Amino acid sequence: MVIWSDPAKVDLRAIHDFIAHDSTHYAKKVTQDIAAKPDILDKLPRMGKIVPELGNEAIRELSLYSYRILYEIREPDVVVLAVIHKRRDLQPEMVER
């Protein structure tokens, strides 16, 4: 099962609000696409690449648009930890919230 952590939900809402300043239509589309992307992880949890900055095989990422969707494999579940813009430098505390 794919579970969204509270911090990841906050990230998704912040992305929506930021994009909505320019286009509410595009904000809705982007956030819906981001929210749907991890669904495949229920069947293929290791499909994402290992996050190089963290070096933890259980923490991986998917990429969509300009965003990194970070998740952790916690058998039998997958937990979405954060959604961050690709231009941001990933700090461990962004994932360990």
PDB file of N, CA and C in Angstrom:
ATOM      1  N   MET A   1       0.840  -1.170   0.000  1.00  0.00           N
ATOM      2  CA  MET A   1       0.000   0.000   0.000  1.00  0.00           C
ATOM      3  C   MET A   1       0.895   1.246   0.000  1.00  0.00           C
ATOM      4  N   VAL A   2       0.498   2.240  -0.767  1.00  0.00           N
ATOM      5  CA  VAL A   2       1.229   3.505  -0.808  1.00  0.00           C
ATOM      6  C   VAL A   2       0.578   4.462   0.187  1.00  0.00           C
ATOM      7  N   ILE A   3       1.383   4.962   1.114  1.00  0.00           N
ATOM      8  CA  ILE A   3       0.909   5.858   2.166  1.00  0.00           C
ATOM      9  C   ILE A   3       1.628   7.199   2.017  1.00  0.00           C
ATOM     10  N   TRP A   4       0.875   8.269   2.068  1.00  0.00           N
ATOM     11  CA  TRP A   4       1.464   9.607   2.024  1.00  0.00           C
ATOM     12  C   TRP A   4       1.672  10.107   3.444  1.00  0.00           C
ATOM     13  N   SER A   5       2.898  10.472   3.783  1.00  0.00           N
ATOM     14  CA  SER A   5       3.181  11.050   5.102  1.00  0.00           C
ATOM     15  C   SER A   5       2.569  12.452   5.167  1.00  0.00           C
ATOM     16  N   ASP A   6       2.346  12.926   6.372  1.00  0.00           N
ATOM     17  CA  ASP A   6       1.809  14.285   6.532  1.00  0.00           C
ATOM     18  C   ASP A   6       2.726  15.343   5.914  1.00  0.00           C
ATOM     19  N   PRO A   7       4.052  15.266   6.111  1.00  0.00           N
ATOM     20  CA  PRO A   7       4.918  16.266   5.466  1.00  0.00           C
ATOM     21  C   PRO A   7       4.834  16.233   3.931  1.00  0.00           C
ATOM     22  N   ALA A   8       4.682  15.055   3.350  1.00  0.00           N
ATOM     23  CA  ALA A   8       4.556  14.962   1.892  1.00  0.00           C
ATOM     24  C   ALA A   8       3.250  15.598   1.423  1.00  0.00           C
ATOM     25  N   LYS A   9       2.196  15.428   2.196  1.00  0.00           N
ATOM     26  CA  LYS A   9       0.916  16.073   1.865  1.00  0.00           C
ATOM     27  C   LYS A   9       1.054  17.591   1.926  1.00  0.00           C
ATOM     28  N   VAL A  10       1.800  18.071   2.914  1.00  0.00           N
ATOM     29  CA  VAL A  10       2.047  19.516   3.030  1.00  0.00           C
ATOM     30  C   VAL A  10       2.841  20.003   1.818  1.00  0.00           C
ATOM     31  N   ASP A  11       3.844  19.234   1.404  1.00  0.00           N
ATOM     32  CA  ASP A  11       4.631  19.588   0.215  1.00  0.00           C
ATOM     33  C   ASP A  11       3.727  19.708  -1.011  1.00  0.00           C
ATOM     34  N   LEU A  12       2.841  18.732  -1.189  1.00  0.00           N
ATOM     35  CA  LEU A  12       1.956  18.722  -2.352  1.00  0.00           C
ATOM     36  C   LEU A  12       1.026  19.937  -2.338  1.00  0.00           C
ATOM     37  N   ARG A  13       0.506  20.278  -1.189  1.00  0.00           N
ATOM     38  CA  ARG A  13      -0.366  21.454  -1.065  1.00  0.00           C
ATOM     39  C   ARG A  13       0.418  22.735  -1.372  1.00  0.00           C
ATOM     40  N   ALA A  14       1.655  22.820  -0.903  1.00  0.00           N
ATOM     41  CA  ALA A  14       2.484  24.002  -1.166  1.00  0.00           C
ATOM     42  C   ALA A  14       2.779  24.138  -2.659  1.00  0.00           C
ATOM     43  N   ILE A  15       3.023  23.019  -3.323  1.00  0.00           N
ATOM     44  CA  ILE A  15       3.251  23.041  -4.774  1.00  0.00           C
ATOM     45  C   ILE A  15       2.002  23.551  -5.477  1.00  0.00           C
ATOM     46  N   HIS A  16       0.855  23.028  -5.078  1.00  0.00           N
ATOM     47  CA  HIS A  16      -0.412  23.475  -5.670  1.00  0.00           C
ATOM     48  C   HIS A  16      -0.589  24.983  -5.489  1.00  0.00           C
ATOM     49  N   ASP A  17      -0.409  25.451  -4.274  1.00  0.00           N
ATOM     50  CA  ASP A  17      -0.621  26.871  -3.987  1.00  0.00           C
ATOM     51  C   ASP A  17       0.346  27.760  -4.764  1.00  0.00           C
ATOM     52  N   PHE A  18       1.592  27.317  -4.899  1.00  0.00           N
ATOM     53  CA  PHE A  18       2.586  28.096  -5.631  1.00  0.00           C
ATOM     54  C   PHE A  18       2.211  28.207  -7.111  1.00  0.00           C
ATOM     55  N   ILE A  19       1.876  27.081  -7.728  1.00  0.00           N
ATOM     56  CA  ILE A  19       1.524  27.082  -9.154  1.00  0.00           C
ATOM     57  C   ILE A  19       0.210  27.823  -9.387  1.00  0.00           C
ATOM     58  N   ALA A  20      -0.714  27.731  -8.440  1.00  0.00           N
ATOM     59  CA  ALA A  20      -2.035  28.353  -8.593  1.00  0.00           C
ATOM     60  C   ALA A  20      -1.964  29.871  -8.708  1.00  0.00           C
ATOM     61  N   HIS A  21      -0.871  30.472  -8.257  1.00  0.00           N
ATOM     62  CA  HIS A  21      -0.713  31.922  -8.426  1.00  0.00           C
ATOM     63  C   HIS A  21      -0.731  32.297  -9.903  1.00  0.00           C
ATOM     64  N   ASP A  22      -0.270  31.383 -10.754  1.00  0.00           N
ATOM     65  CA  ASP A  22      -0.256  31.626 -12.197  1.00  0.00           C
ATOM     66  C   ASP A  22      -1.410  30.939 -12.918  1.00  0.00           C
ATOM     67  N   SER A  23      -1.752  29.717 -12.476  1.00  0.00           N
ATOM     68  CA  SER A  23      -2.792  28.955 -13.176  1.00  0.00           C
ATOM     69  C   SER A  23      -3.396  27.901 -12.252  1.00  0.00           C
ATOM     70  N   THR A  24      -4.652  28.095 -11.905  1.00  0.00           N
ATOM     71  CA  THR A  24      -5.310  27.093 -11.059  1.00  0.00           C
ATOM     72  C   THR A  24      -5.505  25.786 -11.816  1.00  0.00           C
ATOM     73  N   HIS A  25      -5.734  25.882 -13.111  1.00  0.00           N
ATOM     74  CA  HIS A  25      -5.899  24.671 -13.924  1.00  0.00           C
ATOM     75  C   HIS A  25      -4.615  23.841 -13.923  1.00  0.00           C
ATOM     76  N   TYR A  26      -3.496  24.489 -14.189  1.00  0.00           N
ATOM     77  CA  TYR A  26      -2.219  23.778 -14.226  1.00  0.00           C
ATOM     78  C   TYR A  26      -1.833  23.272 -12.834  1.00  0.00           C
ATOM     79  N   ALA A  27      -2.130  24.040 -11.801  1.00  0.00           N
ATOM     80  CA  ALA A  27      -1.832  23.607 -10.427  1.00  0.00           C
ATOM     81  C   ALA A  27      -2.559  22.309 -10.116  1.00  0.00           C
ATOM     82  N   LYS A  28      -3.813  22.237 -10.505  1.00  0.00           N
ATOM     83  CA  LYS A  28      -4.600  21.020 -10.262  1.00  0.00           C
ATOM     84  C   LYS A  28      -4.025  19.845 -11.036  1.00  0.00           C
ATOM     85  N   LYS A  29      -3.686  20.058 -12.304  1.00  0.00           N
ATOM     86  CA  LYS A  29      -3.149  18.975 -13.130  1.00  0.00           C
ATOM     87  C   LYS A  29      -1.826  18.459 -12.576  1.00  0.00           C
ATOM     88  N   VAL A  30      -0.919  19.359 -12.265  1.00  0.00           N
ATOM     89  CA  VAL A  30       0.402  18.958 -11.769  1.00  0.00           C
ATOM     90  C   VAL A  30       0.276  18.179 -10.464  1.00  0.00           C
ATOM     91  N   THR A  31      -0.511  18.694  -9.531  1.00  0.00           N
ATOM     92  CA  THR A  31      -0.613  18.006  -8.242  1.00  0.00           C
ATOM     93  C   THR A  31      -1.362  16.683  -8.359  1.00  0.00           C
ATOM     94  N   GLN A  32      -2.342  16.594  -9.246  1.00  0.00           N
ATOM     95  CA  GLN A  32      -3.012  15.305  -9.464  1.00  0.00           C
ATOM     96  C   GLN A  32      -2.045  14.291 -10.068  1.00  0.00           C
ATOM     97  N   ASP A  33      -1.236  14.738 -11.016  1.00  0.00           N
ATOM     98  CA  ASP A  33      -0.251  13.838 -11.633  1.00  0.00           C
ATOM     99  C   ASP A  33       0.784  13.378 -10.611  1.00  0.00           C
ATOM    100  N   ILE A  34       1.257  14.297  -9.783  1.00  0.00           N
ATOM    101  CA  ILE A  34       2.233  13.933  -8.746  1.00  0.00           C
ATOM    102  C   ILE A  34       1.608  12.949  -7.762  1.00  0.00           C
ATOM    103  N   ALA A  35       0.373  13.200  -7.362  1.00  0.00           N
ATOM    104  CA  ALA A  35      -0.300  12.316  -6.404  1.00  0.00           C
ATOM    105  C   ALA A  35      -0.513  10.918  -6.975  1.00  0.00           C
ATOM    106  N   ALA A  36      -0.717  10.819  -8.284  1.00  0.00           N
ATOM    107  CA  ALA A  36      -0.976   9.521  -8.915  1.00  0.00           C
ATOM    108  C   ALA A  36       0.300   8.738  -9.222  1.00  0.00           C
ATOM    109  N   LYS A  37       1.398   9.423  -9.433  1.00  0.00           N
ATOM    110  CA  LYS A  37       2.651   8.774  -9.850  1.00  0.00           C
ATOM    111  C   LYS A  37       3.079   7.634  -8.928  1.00  0.00           C
ATOM    112  N   PRO A  38       3.042   7.782  -7.601  1.00  0.00           N
ATOM    113  CA  PRO A  38       3.501   6.692  -6.725  1.00  0.00           C
ATOM    114  C   PRO A  38       2.591   5.464  -6.688  1.00  0.00           C
ATOM    115  N   ASP A  39       1.418   5.524  -7.294  1.00  0.00           N
ATOM    116  CA  ASP A  39       0.505   4.375  -7.239  1.00  0.00           C
ATOM    117  C   ASP A  39       1.146   3.097  -7.761  1.00  0.00           C
ATOM    118  N   ILE A  40       2.004   3.193  -8.754  1.00  0.00           N
ATOM    119  CA  ILE A  40       2.676   2.028  -9.331  1.00  0.00           C
ATOM    120  C   ILE A  40       3.583   1.340  -8.316  1.00  0.00           C
ATOM    121  N   LEU A  41       4.008   2.077  -7.297  1.00  0.00           N
ATOM    122  CA  LEU A  41       4.932   1.525  -6.303  1.00  0.00           C
ATOM    123  C   LEU A  41       4.307   0.409  -5.477  1.00  0.00           C
ATOM    124  N   ASP A  42       2.996   0.333  -5.477  1.00  0.00           N
ATOM    125  CA  ASP A  42       2.320  -0.750  -4.773  1.00  0.00           C
ATOM    126  C   ASP A  42       2.728  -2.099  -5.362  1.00  0.00           C
ATOM    127  N   LYS A  43       2.946  -2.118  -6.676  1.00  0.00           N
ATOM    128  CA  LYS A  43       3.346  -3.353  -7.356  1.00  0.00           C
ATOM    129  C   LYS A  43       4.852  -3.425  -7.609  1.00  0.00           C
ATOM    130  N   LEU A  44       5.476  -2.281  -7.792  1.00  0.00           N
ATOM    131  CA  LEU A  44       6.903  -2.226  -8.131  1.00  0.00           C
ATOM    132  C   LEU A  44       7.637  -1.244  -7.210  1.00  0.00           C
ATOM    133  N   PRO A  45       7.779  -1.565  -5.934  1.00  0.00           N
ATOM    134  CA  PRO A  45       8.351  -0.595  -4.988  1.00  0.00           C
ATOM    135  C   PRO A  45       9.801  -0.209  -5.256  1.00  0.00           C
ATOM    136  N   ARG A  46      10.541  -1.042  -5.945  1.00  0.00           N
ATOM    137  CA  ARG A  46      11.955  -0.734  -6.190  1.00  0.00           C
ATOM    138  C   ARG A  46      12.204  -0.092  -7.560  1.00  0.00           C
ATOM    139  N   MET A  47      11.152   0.358  -8.211  1.00  0.00           N
ATOM    140  CA  MET A  47      11.331   0.933  -9.545  1.00  0.00           C
ATOM    141  C   MET A  47      12.035   2.286  -9.510  1.00  0.00           C
ATOM    142  N   GLY A  48      11.921   3.014  -8.421  1.00  0.00           N
ATOM    143  CA  GLY A  48      12.593   4.303  -8.316  1.00  0.00           C
ATOM    144  C   GLY A  48      14.080   4.123  -8.076  1.00  0.00           C
ATOM    145  N   LYS A  49      14.827   5.180  -8.363  1.00  0.00           N
ATOM    146  CA  LYS A  49      16.271   5.083  -8.132  1.00  0.00           C
ATOM    147  C   LYS A  49      16.604   5.466  -6.692  1.00  0.00           C
ATOM    148  N   ILE A  50      17.692   4.919  -6.199  1.00  0.00           N
ATOM    149  CA  ILE A  50      18.164   5.242  -4.856  1.00  0.00           C
ATOM    150  C   ILE A  50      18.577   6.716  -4.832  1.00  0.00           C
ATOM    151  N   VAL A  51      18.203   7.418  -3.782  1.00  0.00           N
ATOM    152  CA  VAL A  51      18.521   8.844  -3.663  1.00  0.00           C
ATOM    153  C   VAL A  51      20.008   8.977  -3.350  1.00  0.00           C
ATOM    154  N   PRO A  52      20.808   9.512  -4.284  1.00  0.00           N
ATOM    155  CA  PRO A  52      22.264   9.535  -4.090  1.00  0.00           C
ATOM    156  C   PRO A  52      22.713  10.337  -2.869  1.00  0.00           C
ATOM    157  N   GLU A  53      22.001  11.402  -2.533  1.00  0.00           N
ATOM    158  CA  GLU A  53      22.405  12.240  -1.399  1.00  0.00           C
ATOM    159  C   GLU A  53      22.258  11.523  -0.060  1.00  0.00           C
ATOM    160  N   LEU A  54      21.414  10.502  -0.022  1.00  0.00           N
ATOM    161  CA  LEU A  54      21.132   9.839   1.250  1.00  0.00           C
ATOM    162  C   LEU A  54      21.829   8.496   1.392  1.00  0.00           C
ATOM    163  N   GLY A  55      22.069   7.799   0.281  1.00  0.00           N
ATOM    164  CA  GLY A  55      22.787   6.531   0.323  1.00  0.00           C
ATOM    165  C   GLY A  55      22.082   5.431   1.095  1.00  0.00           C
ATOM    166  N   ASN A  56      20.780   5.510   1.196  1.00  0.00           N
ATOM    167  CA  ASN A  56      19.991   4.501   1.893  1.00  0.00           C
ATOM    168  C   ASN A  56      19.173   3.754   0.849  1.00  0.00           C
ATOM    169  N   GLU A  57      19.407   2.464   0.706  1.00  0.00           N
ATOM    170  CA  GLU A  57      18.741   1.690  -0.342  1.00  0.00           C
ATOM    171  C   GLU A  57      17.223   1.673  -0.199  1.00  0.00           C
ATOM    172  N   ALA A  58      16.716   1.894   0.996  1.00  0.00           N
ATOM    173  CA  ALA A  58      15.268   1.875   1.218  1.00  0.00           C
ATOM    174  C   ALA A  58      14.600   3.184   0.802  1.00  0.00           C
ATOM    175  N   ILE A  59      15.379   4.259   0.691  1.00  0.00           N
ATOM    176  CA  ILE A  59      14.811   5.554   0.299  1.00  0.00           C
ATOM    177  C   ILE A  59      15.128   5.793  -1.169  1.00  0.00           C
ATOM    178  N   ARG A  60      14.066   5.943  -1.935  1.00  0.00           N
ATOM    179  CA  ARG A  60      14.182   6.061  -3.386  1.00  0.00           C
ATOM    180  C   ARG A  60      13.383   7.250  -3.882  1.00  0.00           C
ATOM    181  N   GLU A  61      13.467   7.483  -5.187  1.00  0.00           N
ATOM    182  CA  GLU A  61      12.743   8.615  -5.741  1.00  0.00           C
ATOM    183  C   GLU A  61      12.202   8.318  -7.127  1.00  0.00           C
ATOM    184  N   LEU A  62      11.087   8.960  -7.409  1.00  0.00           N
ATOM    185  CA  LEU A  62      10.521   9.025  -8.745  1.00  0.00           C
ATOM    186  C   LEU A  62      10.623  10.478  -9.179  1.00  0.00           C
ATOM    187  N   SER A  63      10.624  10.696 -10.467  1.00  0.00           N
ATOM    188  CA  SER A  63      10.735  12.046 -10.995  1.00  0.00           C
ATOM    189  C   SER A  63       9.523  12.346 -11.872  1.00  0.00           C
ATOM    190  N   LEU A  64       8.981  13.540 -11.705  1.00  0.00           N
ATOM    191  CA  LEU A  64       7.864  13.974 -12.543  1.00  0.00           C
ATOM    192  C   LEU A  64       7.906  15.490 -12.635  1.00  0.00           C
ATOM    193  N   TYR A  65       7.827  15.987 -13.864  1.00  0.00           N
ATOM    194  CA  TYR A  65       7.948  17.415 -14.113  1.00  0.00           C
ATOM    195  C   TYR A  65       9.259  17.902 -13.480  1.00  0.00           C
ATOM    196  N   SER A  66       9.185  18.906 -12.657  1.00  0.00           N
ATOM    197  CA  SER A  66      10.391  19.444 -12.014  1.00  0.00           C
ATOM    198  C   SER A  66      10.509  18.986 -10.567  1.00  0.00           C
ATOM    199  N   TYR A  67       9.896  17.853 -10.248  1.00  0.00           N
ATOM    200  CA  TYR A  67       9.817  17.420  -8.854  1.00  0.00           C
ATOM    201  C   TYR A  67      10.378  16.027  -8.631  1.00  0.00           C
ATOM    202  N   ARG A  68      10.893  15.849  -7.434  1.00  0.00           N
ATOM    203  CA  ARG A  68      11.370  14.546  -6.965  1.00  0.00           C
ATOM    204  C   ARG A  68      10.383  14.058  -5.912  1.00  0.00           C
ATOM    205  N   ILE A  69       9.874  12.871  -6.110  1.00  0.00           N
ATOM    206  CA  ILE A  69       8.954  12.260  -5.154  1.00  0.00           C
ATOM    207  C   ILE A  69       9.770  11.239  -4.378  1.00  0.00           C
ATOM    208  N   LEU A  70      10.089  11.557  -3.141  1.00  0.00           N
ATOM    209  CA  LEU A  70      10.932  10.685  -2.320  1.00  0.00           C
ATOM    210  C   LEU A  70      10.063   9.756  -1.489  1.00  0.00           C
ATOM    211  N   TYR A  71      10.453   8.488  -1.468  1.00  0.00           N
ATOM    212  CA  TYR A  71       9.669   7.510  -0.725  1.00  0.00           C
ATOM    213  C   TYR A  71      10.576   6.492  -0.063  1.00  0.00           C
ATOM    214  N   GLU A  72      10.024   5.813   0.932  1.00  0.00           N
ATOM    215  CA  GLU A  72      10.760   4.781   1.652  1.00  0.00           C
ATOM    216  C   GLU A  72       9.993   3.476   1.570  1.00  0.00           C
ATOM    217  N   ILE A  73      10.725   2.410   1.287  1.00  0.00           N
ATOM    218  CA  ILE A  73      10.125   1.081   1.275  1.00  0.00           C
ATOM    219  C   ILE A  73      10.098   0.583   2.710  1.00  0.00           C
ATOM    220  N   ARG A  74       8.905   0.349   3.198  1.00  0.00           N
ATOM    221  CA  ARG A  74       8.699  -0.214   4.540  1.00  0.00           C
ATOM    222  C   ARG A  74       7.766  -1.404   4.366  1.00  0.00           C
ATOM    223  N   GLU A  75       8.355  -2.528   3.997  1.00  0.00           N
ATOM    224  CA  GLU A  75       7.561  -3.715   3.668  1.00  0.00           C
ATOM    225  C   GLU A  75       6.439  -3.929   4.671  1.00  0.00           C
ATOM    226  N   PRO A  76       5.237  -4.155   4.239  1.00  0.00           N
ATOM    227  CA  PRO A  76       4.790  -4.314   2.858  1.00  0.00           C
ATOM    228  C   PRO A  76       4.354  -3.001   2.215  1.00  0.00           C
ATOM    229  N   ASP A  77       4.603  -1.877   2.892  1.00  0.00           N
ATOM    230  CA  ASP A  77       4.122  -0.589   2.398  1.00  0.00           C
ATOM    231  C   ASP A  77       5.235   0.244   1.778  1.00  0.00           C
ATOM    232  N   VAL A  78       4.809   1.294   1.116  1.00  0.00           N
ATOM    233  CA  VAL A  78       5.701   2.332   0.608  1.00  0.00           C
ATOM    234  C   VAL A  78       5.174   3.650   1.171  1.00  0.00           C
ATOM    235  N   VAL A  79       6.059   4.439   1.772  1.00  0.00           N
ATOM    236  CA  VAL A  79       5.649   5.704   2.382  1.00  0.00           C
ATOM    237  C   VAL A  79       6.278   6.857   1.602  1.00  0.00           C
ATOM    238  N   VAL A  80       5.437   7.725   1.051  1.00  0.00           N
ATOM    239  CA  VAL A  80       5.930   8.925   0.379  1.00  0.00           C
ATOM    240  C   VAL A  80       6.363   9.894   1.475  1.00  0.00           C
ATOM    241  N   LEU A  81       7.635  10.282   1.430  1.00  0.00           N
ATOM    242  CA  LEU A  81       8.225  11.108   2.485  1.00  0.00           C
ATOM    243  C   LEU A  81       8.207  12.598   2.175  1.00  0.00           C
ATOM    244  N   ALA A  82       8.436  12.935   0.903  1.00  0.00           N
ATOM    245  CA  ALA A  82       8.554  14.345   0.535  1.00  0.00           C
ATOM    246  C   ALA A  82       8.408  14.501  -0.969  1.00  0.00           C
ATOM    247  N   VAL A  83       8.023  15.694  -1.372  1.00  0.00           N
ATOM    248  CA  VAL A  83       8.012  16.079  -2.783  1.00  0.00           C
ATOM    249  C   VAL A  83       8.757  17.398  -2.846  1.00  0.00           C
ATOM    250  N   ILE A  84       9.893  17.395  -3.530  1.00  0.00           N
ATOM    251  CA  ILE A  84      10.710  18.613  -3.576  1.00  0.00           C
ATOM    252  C   ILE A  84      11.065  18.963  -5.020  1.00  0.00           C
ATOM    253  N   HIS A  85      11.294  20.238  -5.246  1.00  0.00           N
ATOM    254  CA  HIS A  85      11.698  20.708  -6.574  1.00  0.00           C
ATOM    255  C   HIS A  85      13.118  20.225  -6.856  1.00  0.00           C
ATOM    256  N   LYS A  86      13.371  19.868  -8.098  1.00  0.00           N
ATOM    257  CA  LYS A  86      14.688  19.337  -8.476  1.00  0.00           C
ATOM    258  C   LYS A  86      15.820  20.338  -8.277  1.00  0.00           C
ATOM    259  N   ARG A  87      15.524  21.613  -8.302  1.00  0.00           N
ATOM    260  CA  ARG A  87      16.581  22.619  -8.140  1.00  0.00           C
ATOM    261  C   ARG A  87      17.015  22.805  -6.690  1.00  0.00           C
ATOM    262  N   ARG A  88      16.222  22.304  -5.768  1.00  0.00           N
ATOM    263  CA  ARG A  88      16.591  22.441  -4.347  1.00  0.00           C
ATOM    264  C   ARG A  88      17.645  21.414  -3.989  1.00  0.00           C
ATOM    265  N   ASP A  89      18.572  21.830  -3.150  1.00  0.00           N
ATOM    266  CA  ASP A  89      19.557  20.890  -2.619  1.00  0.00           C
ATOM    267  C   ASP A  89      18.863  20.061  -1.547  1.00  0.00           C
ATOM    268  N   LEU A  90      18.898  18.763  -1.722  1.00  0.00           N
ATOM    269  CA  LEU A  90      18.241  17.872  -0.773  1.00  0.00           C
ATOM    270  C   LEU A  90      19.056  17.773   0.505  1.00  0.00           C
ATOM    271  N   GLN A  91      18.422  18.078   1.611  1.00  0.00           N
ATOM    272  CA  GLN A  91      19.028  17.951   2.932  1.00  0.00           C
ATOM    273  C   GLN A  91      18.335  16.800   3.654  1.00  0.00           C
ATOM    274  N   PRO A  92      19.057  16.016   4.443  1.00  0.00           N
ATOM    275  CA  PRO A  92      18.433  14.885   5.141  1.00  0.00           C
ATOM    276  C   PRO A  92      17.203  15.274   5.959  1.00  0.00           C
ATOM    277  N   GLU A  93      17.204  16.467   6.537  1.00  0.00           N
ATOM    278  CA  GLU A  93      16.055  16.871   7.351  1.00  0.00           C
ATOM    279  C   GLU A  93      14.786  17.073   6.526  1.00  0.00           C
ATOM    280  N   MET A  94      14.926  17.236   5.209  1.00  0.00           N
ATOM    281  CA  MET A  94      13.751  17.340   4.349  1.00  0.00           C
ATOM    282  C   MET A  94      13.001  16.010   4.284  1.00  0.00           C
ATOM    283  N   VAL A  95      13.721  14.938   4.511  1.00  0.00           N
ATOM    284  CA  VAL A  95      13.141  13.601   4.439  1.00  0.00           C
ATOM    285  C   VAL A  95      12.787  13.091   5.828  1.00  0.00           C
ATOM    286  N   GLU A  96      13.510  13.523   6.826  1.00  0.00           N
ATOM    287  CA  GLU A  96      13.353  13.006   8.187  1.00  0.00           C
ATOM    288  C   GLU A  96      12.420  13.863   9.030  1.00  0.00           C
ATOM    289  N   ARG A  97      11.405  14.444   8.400  1.00  0.00           N
ATOM    290  CA  ARG A  97      10.473  15.307   9.141  1.00  0.00           C
ATOM    291  C   ARG A  97       9.441  14.475   9.856  1.00  0.00           C
TER     292      ARG A  97
END
